[in-house]
């Protein structure tokens, strides 16, 4: 887990792991500025 992820969890008061991604109307994960998703590294591998 990256330091940024751990700090974000603390700031938001989140105890569980999370992953954020965006989908288009076809439910396909879309890329935004070269990033497909962010959050827990173990899960994020699957959306790259």
N, C-alpha and C. Protein backbone atom coordinates (compact mmCIF):
# COMPACT_ATOMS: atom_id res chain seq x y z
N UNK A 1 0.85 -1.18 0.00
CA UNK A 1 0.00 0.00 0.00
C UNK A 1 0.89 1.24 0.00
N UNK A 2 0.51 2.19 -0.81
CA UNK A 2 1.29 3.42 -0.88
C UNK A 2 0.97 4.33 0.31
N UNK A 3 1.90 5.21 0.60
CA UNK A 3 1.71 6.15 1.69
C UNK A 3 0.50 7.05 1.41
N UNK A 4 0.33 7.45 0.14
CA UNK A 4 -0.80 8.31 -0.24
C UNK A 4 -2.14 7.62 0.04
N UNK A 5 -2.22 6.32 -0.26
CA UNK A 5 -3.45 5.56 -0.03
C UNK A 5 -3.77 5.50 1.46
N UNK A 6 -2.78 5.21 2.26
CA UNK A 6 -2.98 5.12 3.71
C UNK A 6 -3.41 6.47 4.27
N UNK A 7 -2.77 7.55 3.82
CA UNK A 7 -3.14 8.89 4.28
C UNK A 7 -4.56 9.26 3.85
N UNK A 8 -4.95 8.88 2.62
CA UNK A 8 -6.29 9.16 2.14
C UNK A 8 -7.33 8.44 2.98
N UNK A 9 -7.07 7.18 3.34
CA UNK A 9 -7.99 6.42 4.18
C UNK A 9 -8.18 7.11 5.53
N UNK A 10 -7.07 7.58 6.12
CA UNK A 10 -7.15 8.26 7.42
C UNK A 10 -7.95 9.55 7.30
N UNK A 11 -7.67 10.35 6.27
CA UNK A 11 -8.36 11.63 6.10
C UNK A 11 -9.86 11.44 5.89
N UNK A 12 -10.24 10.39 5.18
CA UNK A 12 -11.65 10.14 4.91
C UNK A 12 -12.34 9.31 5.98
N UNK A 13 -11.56 8.80 6.94
CA UNK A 13 -12.13 7.99 8.01
C UNK A 13 -12.59 6.63 7.54
N UNK A 14 -11.93 6.08 6.52
CA UNK A 14 -12.30 4.79 5.95
C UNK A 14 -11.44 3.69 6.57
N UNK A 15 -12.07 2.65 7.08
CA UNK A 15 -11.33 1.54 7.68
C UNK A 15 -11.11 0.38 6.70
N UNK A 16 -12.03 0.21 5.75
CA UNK A 16 -11.94 -0.90 4.80
C UNK A 16 -11.10 -0.48 3.59
N UNK A 17 -10.67 -1.48 2.81
CA UNK A 17 -9.94 -1.20 1.58
C UNK A 17 -10.93 -0.71 0.54
N UNK A 18 -10.45 0.09 -0.43
CA UNK A 18 -11.34 0.59 -1.46
C UNK A 18 -10.61 0.76 -2.78
N UNK A 19 -11.39 0.86 -3.84
CA UNK A 19 -10.89 1.07 -5.18
C UNK A 19 -11.87 2.00 -5.89
N UNK A 20 -11.35 3.00 -6.59
CA UNK A 20 -12.19 3.95 -7.31
C UNK A 20 -11.88 3.84 -8.79
N UNK A 21 -12.94 3.74 -9.61
CA UNK A 21 -12.77 3.74 -11.06
C UNK A 21 -14.04 4.33 -11.68
N UNK A 22 -13.93 4.73 -12.94
CA UNK A 22 -15.05 5.31 -13.65
C UNK A 22 -15.37 4.46 -14.87
N UNK A 23 -16.66 4.38 -15.19
CA UNK A 23 -17.12 3.58 -16.32
C UNK A 23 -17.85 4.47 -17.32
N UNK A 24 -17.82 4.05 -18.58
CA UNK A 24 -18.62 4.73 -19.58
C UNK A 24 -20.01 4.09 -19.61
N UNK A 25 -20.86 4.52 -20.54
CA UNK A 25 -22.22 4.00 -20.60
C UNK A 25 -22.29 2.52 -20.96
N UNK A 26 -21.18 1.97 -21.49
CA UNK A 26 -21.11 0.54 -21.81
C UNK A 26 -20.55 -0.28 -20.66
N UNK A 27 -20.36 0.38 -19.51
CA UNK A 27 -19.80 -0.24 -18.30
C UNK A 27 -18.36 -0.69 -18.47
N UNK A 28 -17.63 0.01 -19.35
CA UNK A 28 -16.21 -0.26 -19.54
C UNK A 28 -15.42 0.73 -18.70
N UNK A 29 -14.38 0.25 -18.05
CA UNK A 29 -13.54 1.14 -17.24
C UNK A 29 -12.82 2.09 -18.18
N UNK A 30 -12.88 3.38 -17.88
CA UNK A 30 -12.25 4.37 -18.75
C UNK A 30 -10.98 4.94 -18.11
N UNK A 31 -10.08 5.36 -18.97
CA UNK A 31 -8.80 5.95 -18.55
C UNK A 31 -8.96 7.45 -18.41
N UNK A 32 -8.42 8.01 -17.34
CA UNK A 32 -8.41 9.45 -17.13
C UNK A 32 -6.97 9.85 -16.81
N UNK A 33 -6.38 10.62 -17.69
CA UNK A 33 -4.98 11.07 -17.53
C UNK A 33 -4.03 9.91 -17.29
N UNK A 34 -4.21 8.82 -18.03
CA UNK A 34 -3.33 7.66 -17.93
C UNK A 34 -3.60 6.75 -16.75
N UNK A 35 -4.66 7.01 -16.00
CA UNK A 35 -4.98 6.21 -14.82
C UNK A 35 -6.35 5.56 -15.01
N UNK A 36 -6.44 4.26 -14.77
CA UNK A 36 -7.70 3.54 -14.89
C UNK A 36 -8.43 3.43 -13.55
N UNK A 37 -7.67 3.36 -12.45
CA UNK A 37 -8.27 3.26 -11.13
C UNK A 37 -7.23 3.64 -10.08
N UNK A 38 -7.71 3.89 -8.88
CA UNK A 38 -6.79 4.12 -7.77
C UNK A 38 -7.41 3.58 -6.49
N UNK A 39 -6.55 3.26 -5.55
CA UNK A 39 -7.00 2.70 -4.29
C UNK A 39 -6.08 1.58 -3.87
N UNK A 40 -6.66 0.55 -3.30
CA UNK A 40 -5.92 -0.58 -2.76
C UNK A 40 -5.15 -1.29 -3.87
N UNK A 41 -3.82 -1.36 -3.74
CA UNK A 41 -2.93 -1.90 -4.78
C UNK A 41 -3.28 -3.33 -5.20
N UNK A 42 -3.66 -4.18 -4.25
CA UNK A 42 -3.94 -5.58 -4.58
C UNK A 42 -5.12 -5.70 -5.53
N UNK A 43 -6.08 -4.81 -5.44
CA UNK A 43 -7.25 -4.82 -6.32
C UNK A 43 -6.95 -4.05 -7.60
N UNK A 44 -6.23 -2.95 -7.48
CA UNK A 44 -5.97 -2.05 -8.60
C UNK A 44 -5.27 -2.75 -9.75
N UNK A 45 -4.51 -3.79 -9.50
CA UNK A 45 -3.81 -4.53 -10.54
C UNK A 45 -4.81 -5.03 -11.59
N UNK A 46 -5.99 -5.41 -11.17
CA UNK A 46 -6.98 -5.99 -12.06
C UNK A 46 -7.65 -4.99 -13.00
N UNK A 47 -7.53 -3.70 -12.76
CA UNK A 47 -8.21 -2.75 -13.63
C UNK A 47 -7.24 -1.97 -14.51
N UNK A 48 -6.02 -2.44 -14.64
CA UNK A 48 -5.04 -1.75 -15.49
C UNK A 48 -5.04 -2.33 -16.87
